[in-house]
C-alpha cells in the first residue's frame, strides 16, 4: 500500500511551521519585508493542505451518503501522482465498499432464503413493529386470515376482532386460543407471541397455527405408527399359524406319515391354539385401551393414596431394594380424581420405575412420589426415579399403543395412563435424563 500521503502532509505542516517561525524571527529582527515574504510563502503549503483536507472530507461524505443509500455503483479513482492527496484513501474506501457490498449481497441471499423458508412453513408467521405495521407475513398467515394483502393489524379489526384483540394484548411467551370465522369455515387458532429487538427497535413475532390441522397431523402420525404395530403383531401370529396349517395338510396327504400322524397333528394344534390365544390376548389389550370408563371422581387424601399404592407395589420383584419417598406440599389441595383409575396409572408408573432401576443394576435405587399445586393452578403428581431412563429418541413413542422396549411388556400401560388422564381432563408428560432422572408428571385441573 502507498504510504506517501502521510509523509506529504508531514512535509506541508513542517513547511508551514518553518515559514511561520522564520517570519516571526525576521519580524523580531525588524526585517519586515523578509518577514512578510515568509508569511506569504507560508500560505502556499497551507492552501495545498487545506485543499487536500477539504477534498478528503468531501470524498468521505460522498462515501457515507452512498453507503447509507445502499448505492455501491461508485468507485473512487486512485492515481500515483506525487501530490495526489487521496490515492491511499480512495483505495481504502474502495476496499471498504467492496467488503460491505459482499456482506450486503450475503445478507440479501440470506433474506431470500428465509423468505422461501417462511413460505414453505405451514404455520403462520407474523412480524409487526410497535405501531402495528406488518413487517413480515408469510403465506400461512394470509391463508388463515383470508387476505391477499396484509399491511397493518387494524385490518383485522373488522374481519377477525378476537384475533385483533389477542394480537394487541398478548404478552411475550404466552399462547392464546382464538376463534376466527372466514368465508369457508370456523377456525380455532393457537397464537404464540415473542417480543424481539432488532437494530434497536422492538418488534412482536407471532406464530399462528390452526389447532385442528395440528391435531389432524399428530393423529395421522399416531395412527400410522399404531397400524404398523398392529400389522407387525398380527402378522407375527398369523404367519406361523398359516405355515403350520400347510404342514399339517401335507402330513394328512402323505400316506407314509401315518405312524406319527396323530402325534404331529396334536402338537400342531397345540401350537395353533397357543398362538390363537396370544392373538386374542393382544386384541383384548386393544379393546381395553378403547374402553376407559368415565371417572368417578372424589376428594382423596393424597398421603393415604400414596401409601396404598406403595403397599400394592410391595409384591413386585426387586421392591425391597428400592427406597421410595413421599413428598406432599403443605399447601397442596385435596386431590379430586377416581381412586381406582388413578391407582391403575400410579401402579403402572411405580412398576416401570422399579423395572428401570433393576435394568440399570443399581444398588441405591430411589423413587419419589410427590404432590403439589403448580403456579398455573393445576394439581401435580410426579413419579420420579434414578433408573435406566428413556432414550431421547423414544420419549415421543412410549405413549403409543403397544410400543414397548421390554420383551415381556404389553406396551399398553402408558397408553392407558394417558387415556385415563385425558378422561380426568388432565395430561401426562415425561422428562428423562438416562441414568440420572426420569420423571412422569400428572396434571389435574383444580376444582
Protein backbone atom coordinates (compact mmCIF):
# COMPACT_ATOMS: atom_id res chain seq x y z
CA UNK A 1 0.00 0.00 0.00
CA UNK A 2 1.29 3.52 -0.90
CA UNK A 3 2.09 5.41 2.29
CA UNK A 4 3.43 8.61 0.64
CA UNK A 5 0.45 10.80 1.54
CA UNK A 6 1.15 10.91 5.32
CA UNK A 7 4.71 11.97 4.52
CA UNK A 8 3.42 14.71 2.18
CA UNK A 9 1.14 16.02 4.91
CA UNK A 10 4.04 15.98 7.34
CA UNK A 11 6.21 17.95 4.87
CA UNK A 12 3.47 20.53 4.32
CA UNK A 13 2.97 21.05 8.04
CA UNK A 14 6.74 21.26 8.54
CA UNK A 15 6.97 23.87 5.75
CA UNK A 16 4.18 25.91 7.33
CA UNK A 17 5.84 25.77 10.75
CA UNK A 18 9.25 26.71 9.32
CA UNK A 19 7.87 29.65 7.30
CA UNK A 20 5.91 30.85 10.31
CA UNK A 21 8.96 30.58 12.62
CA UNK A 22 11.20 32.33 10.09
CA UNK A 23 8.67 35.09 9.61
CA UNK A 24 8.36 35.79 13.34
CA UNK A 25 12.16 35.69 13.70
CA UNK A 26 12.69 38.17 10.83
CA UNK A 27 9.90 40.35 12.18
CA UNK A 28 11.69 40.37 15.54
CA UNK A 29 14.88 41.47 13.76
CA UNK A 30 12.83 44.23 12.12
CA UNK A 31 13.36 42.78 8.65
CA UNK A 32 9.73 43.43 7.86
CA UNK A 33 9.94 42.87 4.11
CA UNK A 34 11.57 39.46 4.51
CA UNK A 35 9.13 38.58 7.30
CA UNK A 36 6.15 39.41 5.08
CA UNK A 37 7.70 37.31 2.32
CA UNK A 38 7.98 34.31 4.70
CA UNK A 39 4.34 34.70 5.76
CA UNK A 40 3.33 34.95 2.11
CA UNK A 41 5.26 31.79 1.24
CA UNK A 42 3.62 30.04 4.24
CA UNK A 43 0.18 30.40 2.63
CA UNK A 44 1.15 28.19 -0.32
CA UNK A 45 1.59 24.90 1.66
CA UNK A 46 -1.30 25.96 3.90
CA UNK A 47 -3.62 26.28 0.90
CA UNK A 48 -2.41 22.95 -0.50
CA UNK A 49 -3.03 21.28 2.87
CA UNK A 50 -6.46 22.89 3.26
CA UNK A 51 -7.49 21.87 -0.24
CA UNK A 52 -6.32 18.29 0.35
CA UNK A 53 -8.24 18.01 3.63
CA UNK A 54 -11.36 19.53 2.07
CA UNK A 55 -11.11 17.08 -0.82
CA UNK A 56 -10.79 14.16 1.63
CA UNK A 57 -13.80 15.34 3.65
CA UNK A 58 -15.85 15.68 0.50
CA UNK A 59 -14.90 12.17 -0.60
CA UNK A 60 -15.76 10.67 2.82
CA UNK A 61 -19.11 12.48 2.89
CA UNK A 62 -19.93 11.13 -0.57
CA UNK A 63 -18.90 7.62 0.56
CA UNK A 64 -21.14 7.76 3.65
CA UNK A 65 -24.12 9.11 1.67
CA UNK A 66 -23.74 6.41 -0.98
CA UNK A 67 -23.45 3.59 1.57
CA UNK A 68 -26.42 4.94 3.52
CA UNK A 69 -28.47 4.78 0.30
CA UNK A 70 -27.25 1.25 -0.48
CA UNK A 71 -25.55 2.60 -3.61
CA UNK A 72 -22.50 0.50 -4.40
CA UNK A 73 -22.11 1.51 -8.05
CA UNK A 74 -19.47 4.18 -7.35
CA UNK A 75 -15.71 3.73 -7.42
CA UNK A 76 -13.13 6.34 -6.49
CA UNK A 77 -10.24 6.77 -8.96
CA UNK A 78 -6.81 6.20 -7.48
CA UNK A 79 -3.67 7.56 -9.13
CA UNK A 80 0.04 7.72 -8.46
CA UNK A 81 0.63 11.45 -8.83
CA UNK A 82 3.18 12.63 -6.35
CA UNK A 83 0.93 15.29 -4.85
CA UNK A 84 -2.27 13.27 -5.04
CA UNK A 85 -3.88 13.89 -1.66
CA UNK A 86 -6.19 10.89 -1.56
CA UNK A 87 -4.94 7.97 -3.62
CA UNK A 88 -4.46 5.91 -0.45
CA UNK A 89 -7.87 6.96 0.82
CA UNK A 90 -9.52 6.12 -2.49
CA UNK A 91 -8.10 2.61 -2.43
CA UNK A 92 -9.14 2.07 1.18
CA UNK A 93 -12.67 3.38 0.59
CA UNK A 94 -13.00 1.19 -2.50
CA UNK A 95 -11.88 -1.78 -0.43
CA UNK A 96 -14.37 -0.98 2.35
CA UNK A 97 -17.10 -0.60 -0.25
CA UNK A 98 -16.31 -3.99 -1.76
CA UNK A 99 -16.37 -5.69 1.65
CA UNK A 100 -19.66 -4.02 2.56
CA UNK A 101 -21.12 -4.86 -0.85
CA UNK A 102 -20.22 -8.52 -0.41
CA UNK A 103 -21.82 -8.57 3.02
CA UNK A 104 -24.89 -6.81 1.66
CA UNK A 105 -25.22 -9.44 -1.07
CA UNK A 106 -24.77 -12.22 1.51
CA UNK A 107 -27.49 -10.67 3.68
CA UNK A 108 -29.81 -10.37 0.69
CA UNK A 109 -29.24 -14.04 -0.16
CA UNK A 110 -29.93 -14.97 3.45
CA UNK A 111 -33.11 -12.89 3.45
CA UNK A 112 -34.29 -14.61 0.26
CA UNK A 113 -33.54 -17.98 1.87
CA UNK A 114 -35.60 -17.13 4.94
CA UNK A 115 -38.43 -15.79 2.78
CA UNK A 116 -38.55 -19.08 0.87
CA UNK A 117 -38.37 -20.98 4.16
CA UNK A 118 -41.22 -18.95 5.67
CA UNK A 119 -43.31 -19.52 2.57
CA UNK A 120 -42.90 -23.30 2.96
CA UNK A 121 -43.88 -23.35 6.66
CA UNK A 122 -47.47 -24.37 7.33
CA UNK A 123 -47.60 -22.22 10.46
CA UNK A 124 -48.45 -18.56 10.10
CA UNK A 125 -45.50 -16.31 10.97
CA UNK A 126 -46.21 -12.61 11.53
CA UNK A 127 -43.75 -9.85 12.45
CA UNK A 128 -45.08 -6.37 13.34
CA UNK A 129 -43.48 -3.22 14.70
CA UNK A 130 -44.55 -1.09 17.67
CA UNK A 131 -47.10 0.84 15.61
CA UNK A 132 -48.80 -2.30 14.33
CA UNK A 133 -47.40 -2.19 10.79
CA UNK A 134 -46.71 -5.61 9.30
CA UNK A 135 -43.02 -6.12 8.58
CA UNK A 136 -43.25 -9.76 7.51
CA UNK A 137 -46.23 -12.07 6.94
CA UNK A 138 -45.84 -15.44 5.27
CA UNK A 139 -48.44 -17.21 3.14
CA UNK A 140 -49.58 -19.20 6.17
CA UNK A 141 -50.85 -16.02 7.87
CA UNK A 142 -52.56 -14.75 4.72
CA UNK A 143 -54.33 -18.10 4.28
CA UNK A 144 -55.52 -18.24 7.90
CA UNK A 145 -56.95 -14.70 7.89
CA UNK A 146 -58.26 -14.96 4.34
CA UNK A 147 -56.46 -11.91 2.93
CA UNK A 148 -54.13 -11.42 -0.01
CA UNK A 149 -52.63 -8.17 1.30
CA UNK A 150 -51.89 -7.55 4.97
CA UNK A 151 -50.07 -4.35 5.93
CA UNK A 152 -51.41 -3.36 9.37
CA UNK A 153 -53.08 -5.09 12.32
CA UNK A 154 -56.01 -2.66 12.08
CA UNK A 155 -57.14 -4.60 9.01
CA UNK A 156 -58.13 -7.47 11.33
CA UNK A 157 -60.44 -5.35 13.49
CA UNK A 158 -63.44 -5.79 11.21
CA UNK A 159 -62.82 -9.30 9.86
CA UNK A 160 -61.39 -11.02 12.95
CA UNK A 161 -61.94 -8.86 16.05
CA UNK A 162 -60.98 -11.57 18.55
CA UNK A 163 -57.69 -12.21 16.76
CA UNK A 164 -57.07 -8.45 16.58
CA UNK A 165 -57.64 -8.04 20.34
CA UNK A 166 -55.40 -11.02 21.09
CA UNK A 167 -52.52 -9.71 18.97
CA UNK A 168 -52.82 -6.36 20.73
CA UNK A 169 -52.86 -7.70 24.31
CA UNK A 170 -50.91 -10.96 24.31
CA UNK A 171 -47.63 -10.92 26.24
CA UNK A 172 -44.30 -12.39 25.26
CA UNK A 173 -44.12 -16.11 25.97
CA UNK A 174 -47.90 -16.53 26.20
CA UNK A 175 -50.18 -18.54 23.93
CA UNK A 176 -53.89 -17.93 23.45
CA UNK A 177 -56.65 -19.79 21.64
CA UNK A 178 -58.77 -17.69 19.29
CA UNK A 179 -61.82 -18.50 17.18
CA UNK A 180 -61.88 -16.96 13.69
CA UNK A 181 -64.60 -17.17 11.05
CA UNK A 182 -63.58 -16.89 7.43
CA UNK A 183 -65.62 -17.30 4.26
CA UNK A 184 -65.30 -21.09 4.30
CA UNK A 185 -65.23 -22.32 7.90
CA UNK A 186 -64.77 -21.72 11.60
CA UNK A 187 -61.13 -21.92 12.69
CA UNK A 188 -59.62 -22.40 16.12
CA UNK A 189 -56.21 -20.75 16.15
CA UNK A 190 -53.38 -21.04 18.63
CA UNK A 191 -51.41 -17.77 18.85
CA UNK A 192 -47.91 -17.72 20.38
CA UNK A 193 -46.06 -14.45 20.93
CA UNK A 194 -42.44 -13.38 21.35
CA UNK A 195 -41.08 -9.84 21.61
CA UNK A 196 -37.70 -9.22 20.00
CA UNK A 197 -35.38 -6.25 19.42
CA UNK A 198 -33.75 -5.80 16.02
CA UNK A 199 -31.34 -2.93 15.37
CA UNK A 200 -32.53 -1.16 18.48
CA UNK A 201 -36.22 -1.36 17.52
CA UNK A 202 -38.87 -3.50 19.24
CA UNK A 203 -40.93 -5.99 17.23
CA UNK A 204 -43.63 -8.54 18.02
CA UNK A 205 -43.28 -12.01 16.50
CA UNK A 206 -46.44 -14.13 16.32
CA UNK A 207 -46.70 -17.80 15.35
CA UNK A 208 -50.28 -18.76 14.44
CA UNK A 209 -51.46 -22.35 13.93
CA UNK A 210 -54.73 -23.99 13.02
CA UNK A 211 -55.35 -26.25 16.03
CA UNK A 212 -57.43 -28.72 14.03
CA UNK A 213 -54.69 -29.08 11.44
CA UNK A 214 -52.10 -29.70 14.15
CA UNK A 215 -54.28 -32.32 15.80
CA UNK A 216 -55.04 -33.98 12.46
CA UNK A 217 -51.34 -34.23 11.63
CA UNK A 218 -50.50 -35.65 15.05
CA UNK A 219 -53.44 -38.04 14.94
CA UNK A 220 -52.43 -39.28 11.48
CA UNK A 221 -48.87 -39.86 12.68
CA UNK A 222 -50.17 -41.83 15.68
CA UNK A 223 -52.49 -43.92 13.53
CA UNK A 224 -49.69 -44.74 11.10
CA UNK A 225 -47.50 -45.93 13.97
CA UNK A 226 -50.42 -47.85 15.50
CA UNK A 227 -51.26 -49.62 12.23
CA UNK A 228 -47.59 -50.51 11.81
CA UNK A 229 -47.53 -52.10 15.26
CA UNK A 230 -50.88 -53.86 14.75
CA UNK A 231 -49.74 -55.24 11.41
CA UNK A 232 -46.48 -56.43 12.92
CA UNK A 233 -48.14 -58.20 15.86
CA UNK A 234 -50.92 -59.78 13.81
CA UNK A 235 -48.56 -60.94 11.08
CA UNK A 236 -46.26 -62.47 13.70
CA UNK A 237 -49.22 -64.53 14.92
CA UNK A 238 -50.89 -65.36 11.61
CA UNK A 239 -47.72 -66.38 9.72
CA UNK A 240 -46.80 -69.39 11.92
CA UNK A 241 -50.47 -70.49 12.04
CA UNK A 242 -50.67 -70.48 8.24
CA UNK A 243 -47.34 -72.23 7.87
CA UNK A 244 -48.23 -74.88 10.43
CA UNK A 245 -51.65 -75.46 8.85
CA UNK A 246 -49.96 -76.09 5.48
CA UNK A 247 -47.58 -78.55 7.11
CA UNK A 248 -50.47 -80.46 8.75
CA UNK A 249 -52.32 -80.64 5.44
CA UNK A 250 -49.25 -82.13 3.79
CA UNK A 251 -49.00 -84.70 6.57
CA UNK A 252 -52.62 -85.74 6.03
CA UNK A 253 -52.00 -86.19 2.31
CA UNK A 254 -48.79 -88.20 2.79
CA UNK A 255 -49.56 -91.93 3.44
CA UNK A 256 -46.03 -92.55 4.74
CA UNK A 257 -46.61 -90.22 7.71
CA UNK A 258 -49.33 -92.43 9.25
CA UNK A 259 -47.22 -93.75 12.19
CA UNK A 260 -46.59 -90.27 13.62
CA UNK A 261 -49.64 -88.51 12.15
CA UNK A 262 -51.64 -88.27 15.37
CA UNK A 263 -48.71 -87.01 17.41
CA UNK A 264 -47.80 -84.37 14.81
CA UNK A 265 -51.41 -83.18 14.49
CA UNK A 266 -51.79 -82.89 18.28
CA UNK A 267 -48.57 -80.90 18.54
CA UNK A 268 -49.54 -78.65 15.65
CA UNK A 269 -53.00 -77.97 17.06
CA UNK A 270 -51.48 -77.10 20.43
CA UNK A 271 -49.20 -74.57 18.78
CA UNK A 272 -52.10 -73.12 16.79
CA UNK A 273 -54.18 -72.96 19.98
CA UNK A 274 -51.48 -71.12 21.95
CA UNK A 275 -50.81 -68.69 19.09
CA UNK A 276 -54.53 -68.01 18.73
CA UNK A 277 -54.83 -67.32 22.46
CA UNK A 278 -51.92 -64.90 22.19
CA UNK A 279 -53.63 -63.10 19.33
CA UNK A 280 -56.90 -62.94 21.30
CA UNK A 281 -54.99 -61.52 24.27
CA UNK A 282 -53.46 -58.89 22.02
CA UNK A 283 -56.86 -57.88 20.64
CA UNK A 284 -58.21 -57.86 24.21
CA UNK A 285 -55.48 -55.40 25.18
CA UNK A 286 -56.55 -53.16 22.32
CA UNK A 287 -60.17 -53.33 23.49
CA UNK A 288 -59.02 -52.46 27.00
CA UNK A 289 -57.28 -49.38 25.61
CA UNK A 290 -60.50 -48.20 23.96
CA UNK A 291 -62.83 -48.89 26.92
CA UNK A 292 -61.72 -46.40 29.56
CA UNK A 293 -64.72 -45.85 31.86
CA UNK A 294 -65.90 -42.39 32.88
CA UNK A 295 -64.03 -41.42 36.06
CA UNK A 296 -66.00 -41.40 39.31
CA UNK A 297 -64.18 -38.55 40.95
CA UNK A 298 -63.94 -37.95 44.68
CA UNK A 299 -61.68 -36.00 47.01
CA UNK A 300 -58.70 -38.15 48.02
CA UNK A 301 -56.23 -37.81 50.85
CA UNK A 302 -53.00 -37.90 48.86
CA UNK A 303 -50.90 -39.30 51.73
CA UNK A 304 -53.24 -42.28 52.23
CA UNK A 305 -53.50 -42.73 48.46
CA UNK A 306 -49.69 -42.84 48.01
CA UNK A 307 -49.24 -45.26 50.93
CA UNK A 308 -51.87 -47.54 49.40
CA UNK A 309 -50.03 -47.54 46.09
CA UNK A 310 -46.75 -48.43 47.79
CA UNK A 311 -48.45 -51.29 49.65
CA UNK A 312 -49.89 -52.67 46.41
CA UNK A 313 -46.50 -52.42 44.70
CA UNK A 314 -44.67 -54.19 47.56
CA UNK A 315 -45.21 -57.56 45.86
CA UNK A 316 -43.21 -56.60 42.80
CA UNK A 317 -39.76 -58.20 42.36
CA UNK A 318 -36.85 -56.01 43.50
CA UNK A 319 -39.22 -53.80 45.55
CA UNK A 320 -37.32 -54.29 48.83
CA UNK A 321 -34.09 -52.98 47.29
CA UNK A 322 -35.63 -49.65 46.25
CA UNK A 323 -36.06 -46.63 48.50
CA UNK A 324 -39.45 -44.93 47.99
CA UNK A 325 -40.06 -41.42 49.36
CA UNK A 326 -43.28 -39.42 49.60
CA UNK A 327 -43.25 -35.62 49.32
CA UNK A 328 -46.55 -33.75 49.70
CA UNK A 329 -46.52 -29.93 49.73
CA UNK A 330 -48.07 -28.34 52.81
CA UNK A 331 -50.36 -26.14 50.70
CA UNK A 332 -51.40 -28.94 48.33
CA UNK A 333 -55.20 -29.16 47.94
CA UNK A 334 -57.17 -32.42 48.18
CA UNK A 335 -56.84 -34.47 45.02
CA UNK A 336 -60.10 -34.79 43.03
CA UNK A 337 -59.88 -37.98 40.98
CA UNK A 338 -61.10 -41.55 40.51
CA UNK A 339 -59.04 -43.55 43.02
CA UNK A 340 -59.38 -46.79 41.06
CA UNK A 341 -58.37 -45.41 37.66
CA UNK A 342 -55.63 -43.18 39.07
CA UNK A 343 -54.39 -46.11 41.14
CA UNK A 344 -54.02 -48.10 37.92
CA UNK A 345 -51.87 -45.28 36.49
CA UNK A 346 -49.71 -44.95 39.61
CA UNK A 347 -49.13 -48.69 39.98
CA UNK A 348 -48.00 -48.87 36.36
CA UNK A 349 -45.62 -45.91 36.80
CA UNK A 350 -44.12 -47.27 40.03
CA UNK A 351 -43.74 -50.73 38.46
CA UNK A 352 -41.98 -49.19 35.43
CA UNK A 353 -39.69 -47.22 37.78
CA UNK A 354 -38.73 -50.39 39.71
CA UNK A 355 -38.03 -52.24 36.47
CA UNK A 356 -35.97 -49.31 35.18
CA UNK A 357 -33.84 -49.34 38.35
CA UNK A 358 -33.49 -53.12 38.10
CA UNK A 359 -32.40 -52.88 34.44
CA UNK A 360 -29.72 -50.39 35.43
CA UNK A 361 -28.48 -52.87 38.06
CA UNK A 362 -28.36 -50.10 40.67
CA UNK A 363 -27.51 -50.62 44.33
CA UNK A 364 -29.17 -47.41 45.52
CA UNK A 365 -32.35 -47.04 43.51
CA UNK A 366 -34.72 -44.27 44.56
CA UNK A 367 -38.32 -43.50 43.68
CA UNK A 368 -40.15 -40.35 44.76
CA UNK A 369 -43.91 -39.74 44.76
CA UNK A 370 -44.75 -36.05 45.12
CA UNK A 371 -47.88 -33.90 45.08
CA UNK A 372 -48.16 -30.11 44.83
CA UNK A 373 -50.05 -27.22 43.30
CA UNK A 374 -48.49 -25.52 40.27
CA UNK A 375 -48.41 -21.73 39.66
CA UNK A 376 -50.81 -22.37 36.76
CA UNK A 377 -53.37 -23.69 39.30
CA UNK A 378 -53.02 -27.35 38.40
CA UNK A 379 -52.70 -30.25 40.81
CA UNK A 380 -49.48 -32.09 40.01
CA UNK A 381 -48.41 -35.64 40.88
CA UNK A 382 -44.86 -36.61 39.96
CA UNK A 383 -43.31 -40.07 39.92
CA UNK A 384 -39.53 -39.86 39.53
CA UNK A 385 -36.71 -42.40 39.68
CA UNK A 386 -32.97 -42.61 39.06
CA UNK A 387 -33.07 -45.75 36.94
CA UNK A 388 -32.10 -46.56 33.38
CA UNK A 389 -34.42 -43.92 31.93
CA UNK A 390 -35.85 -43.41 28.45
CA UNK A 391 -33.64 -42.81 25.43
CA UNK A 392 -34.24 -39.38 23.82
CA UNK A 393 -35.34 -40.92 20.52
CA UNK A 394 -38.02 -42.97 22.33
CA UNK A 395 -39.56 -40.26 24.52
CA UNK A 396 -42.21 -39.41 21.89
CA UNK A 397 -43.08 -43.08 21.30
CA UNK A 398 -43.62 -44.55 24.75
CA UNK A 399 -47.30 -43.47 24.85
CA UNK A 400 -48.08 -45.11 21.50
CA UNK A 401 -50.28 -48.19 21.97
CA UNK A 402 -48.35 -51.50 22.02
CA UNK A 403 -44.95 -49.81 21.86
CA UNK A 404 -42.56 -51.41 24.34
CA UNK A 405 -38.83 -51.87 24.81
CA UNK A 406 -39.24 -54.96 27.04
CA UNK A 407 -39.50 -58.46 25.65
CA UNK A 408 -42.31 -59.33 28.10
CA UNK A 409 -44.09 -55.97 28.00
CA UNK A 410 -47.57 -55.42 26.55
CA UNK A 411 -46.98 -51.82 25.51
CA UNK A 412 -50.39 -50.57 26.67
CA UNK A 413 -49.67 -49.41 30.23
CA UNK A 414 -48.60 -45.86 29.38
CA UNK A 415 -51.20 -45.62 26.60
CA UNK A 416 -53.93 -46.45 29.11
CA UNK A 417 -52.37 -43.99 31.58
CA UNK A 418 -52.65 -41.22 29.01
CA UNK A 419 -56.27 -42.16 28.23
CA UNK A 420 -57.13 -42.11 31.95
CA UNK A 421 -55.52 -38.68 32.40
CA UNK A 422 -57.46 -37.33 29.42
CA UNK A 423 -60.67 -38.72 30.93
CA UNK A 424 -59.84 -36.70 34.07
CA UNK A 425 -59.39 -33.55 31.97
CA UNK A 426 -55.65 -33.66 32.65
CA UNK A 427 -52.49 -34.74 30.89
CA UNK A 428 -49.33 -36.81 31.41
CA UNK A 429 -45.80 -35.75 30.46
CA UNK A 430 -42.36 -37.33 30.75
CA UNK A 431 -38.84 -35.98 31.15
CA UNK A 432 -35.83 -38.27 31.16
CA UNK A 433 -32.08 -37.99 31.51
CA UNK A 434 -30.99 -41.64 31.05
CA UNK A 435 -29.12 -42.94 34.07
CA UNK A 436 -29.90 -39.88 36.20
CA UNK A 437 -33.56 -38.90 36.43
CA UNK A 438 -36.84 -39.90 34.83
CA UNK A 439 -39.97 -38.01 35.84
CA UNK A 440 -43.59 -38.63 34.89
CA UNK A 441 -45.84 -35.65 35.61
CA UNK A 442 -49.63 -35.98 36.02
CA UNK A 443 -51.54 -32.71 35.76
CA UNK A 444 -55.12 -32.38 37.10
CA UNK A 445 -57.35 -29.29 36.86
CA UNK A 446 -58.22 -27.85 40.27
CA UNK A 447 -61.86 -27.55 41.26
